[in-house]
Protein backbone atom coordinates (compact mmCIF):
# COMPACT_ATOMS: atom_id res chain seq x y z
CA MET A 1 98.14 88.22 114.44
CA LYS A 2 98.37 85.46 111.66
CA LEU A 3 97.09 82.68 112.71
CA LYS A 4 96.76 79.19 111.09
CA LEU A 5 95.09 76.14 112.73
CA THR A 6 94.77 72.94 110.93
CA ASP A 7 91.10 71.23 110.97
CA SER A 8 92.60 68.73 113.59
CA ALA A 9 93.73 71.61 115.81
CA ILE A 10 90.15 73.34 115.68
CA ILE A 11 88.47 69.92 115.97
CA ASP A 12 90.71 68.87 119.81
CA LEU A 13 90.17 72.89 120.88
CA LEU A 14 86.46 72.04 120.73
CA GLY A 15 86.98 68.96 122.65
CA GLY A 16 87.62 66.27 120.33
CA THR A 17 85.61 64.03 117.35
CA THR A 18 82.96 63.16 119.76
CA LYS A 19 82.19 66.99 121.25
CA VAL A 20 82.34 68.92 118.13
CA ALA A 21 80.14 66.10 116.29
CA LYS A 22 76.83 66.60 118.98
CA MET A 23 78.01 70.13 118.91
CA THR A 24 77.35 69.81 114.88
CA ASN A 25 74.82 67.20 114.93
CA VAL A 26 76.86 64.48 112.75
CA ALA A 27 78.40 61.09 113.21
CA PRO A 28 81.25 61.10 114.93
CA ALA A 29 82.80 59.25 111.91
CA ALA A 30 82.58 62.40 109.59
CA VAL A 31 84.06 64.43 111.99
CA SER A 32 87.30 61.95 111.71
CA LEU A 33 87.15 62.37 108.60
CA TRP A 34 87.35 66.05 108.52
CA ARG A 35 90.64 66.11 109.91
CA LYS A 36 92.32 64.59 106.77
CA ASN A 37 89.31 66.01 103.93
CA ASN A 38 88.62 69.51 105.65
CA ILE A 39 85.94 71.11 107.64
CA PRO A 40 83.17 71.74 105.25
CA SER A 41 82.59 75.78 104.74
CA ASP A 42 79.17 75.92 106.70
CA LYS A 43 80.41 73.90 109.81
CA TYR A 44 83.77 75.73 109.85
CA ILE A 45 81.72 79.44 110.29
CA PHE A 46 79.88 77.69 113.08
CA LEU A 47 82.80 76.11 114.74
CA GLY A 48 84.93 78.86 114.39
CA ALA A 49 82.26 81.41 116.17
CA GLU A 50 82.38 78.60 119.07
CA LEU A 51 85.78 78.61 118.77
CA GLU A 52 86.17 82.05 119.51
CA ARG A 53 83.29 81.85 122.03
CA GLN A 54 84.75 79.49 123.41
CA SER A 55 89.17 80.64 123.53
CA PHE A 56 87.58 83.99 125.15
CA GLY A 57 88.54 85.95 121.92
CA LEU A 58 92.12 84.38 121.84
CA VAL A 59 91.24 82.89 118.58
CA SER A 60 88.99 85.42 116.34
CA ARG A 61 86.90 84.73 113.83
CA LYS A 62 89.37 87.79 111.67
CA ASP A 63 92.21 85.29 112.35
CA LEU A 64 90.34 81.90 111.02
CA PHE A 65 89.04 84.12 107.86
CA PRO A 66 91.61 86.52 107.90
CA ASN A 67 90.45 87.36 104.00
CA HIS A 68 86.30 87.55 104.00
CA TRP A 69 85.15 87.63 107.92
CA TRP A 70 83.30 91.09 106.90
CA TYR A 71 81.04 89.09 104.66
CA ILE A 72 80.11 86.45 107.42
CA TRP A 73 80.07 88.65 110.40
CA PRO A 74 78.94 92.26 109.05
CA GLU A 75 78.14 93.05 112.79
CA LEU A 76 81.90 92.56 114.00
CA LEU A 77 82.81 95.71 111.47
CA PRO A 78 82.85 99.31 113.26
CA GLN A 79 80.22 101.35 113.10
CA THR A 80 82.12 103.68 110.35
CA GLU A 81 82.18 101.29 107.99
CA ARG A 82 79.02 99.67 107.94
């Protein structure tokens, strides 16, 4: 599935600026800037996993990181490919 969510959409799907700020332990103003300037990669990895959990797998880490998810989460690879 080809899925492309904007950073702003990811923040909204996770409950908005204040909730994402609390999840990532940053100020709400920082999250507001992410809407324009991109979510930092370390936070994006965390939020991707959280979005997968909250969406019950409808939005997966594989969708969000189609070119390199297996480097970040090797446990998602089938047993035969590990």
